[in-house]
Protein backbone atom coordinates (compact mmCIF):
# COMPACT_ATOMS: atom_id res chain seq x y z
CA MET A 1 0.07 7.87 -0.44
CA GLY A 2 0.11 6.32 -3.90
CA VAL A 3 2.67 4.11 -5.60
CA ARG A 4 6.20 4.48 -4.30
CA SER A 5 9.56 3.61 -5.82
CA GLN A 6 11.95 1.09 -4.30
CA ARG A 7 14.93 2.46 -2.36
CA TYR A 8 17.97 2.54 -4.59
CA SER A 9 21.24 4.32 -5.29
CA LEU A 10 23.15 4.80 -8.51
CA LEU A 11 26.52 6.05 -9.63
CA ALA A 12 26.74 7.84 -12.97
CA LYS A 13 29.76 8.95 -14.96
CA ASP A 14 29.26 11.45 -17.79
CA GLY A 15 25.51 10.79 -17.68
CA VAL A 16 25.90 6.99 -17.96
CA VAL A 17 24.87 4.77 -15.04
CA THR A 18 27.88 2.70 -14.00
CA GLU A 19 26.46 1.20 -10.77
CA LEU A 20 22.82 0.57 -9.86
CA ASN A 21 22.03 -0.74 -6.39
CA VAL A 22 18.44 -1.71 -5.52
CA GLU A 23 17.52 -2.50 -1.92
CA ALA A 24 15.69 -5.67 -0.97
CA GLY A 25 12.43 -4.98 0.84
CA GLY A 26 12.88 -3.35 4.24
CA GLU A 27 16.67 -3.04 4.04
CA PHE A 28 18.93 0.00 4.18
CA ARG A 29 22.35 -1.17 3.06
CA VAL A 30 23.18 -0.54 -0.61
CA SER A 31 21.58 2.92 -0.58
CA ALA A 32 23.64 4.06 2.43
CA ALA A 33 26.24 6.78 1.92
CA GLU A 34 29.05 4.57 3.25
CA TYR A 35 28.27 1.87 0.68
CA MET A 36 28.25 4.40 -2.16
CA LEU A 37 31.52 6.00 -1.03
CA ALA A 38 33.16 2.57 -1.06
CA GLN A 39 32.15 2.20 -4.73
CA LEU A 40 34.00 5.35 -5.79
C-alpha cells in the first residue's frame, strides 16, 4: 500500500492554517467532524 499520512484535520482562514490537529496512533478524536465543528 505504500507510505500513508497520519490522520489529521485542519482549519484554514483565508488560506492560512489556524488550527492543526494530528491524531495519536489508532485514535479517531481530533479528526472527527464534531471536534472540528466545536472549533469554529
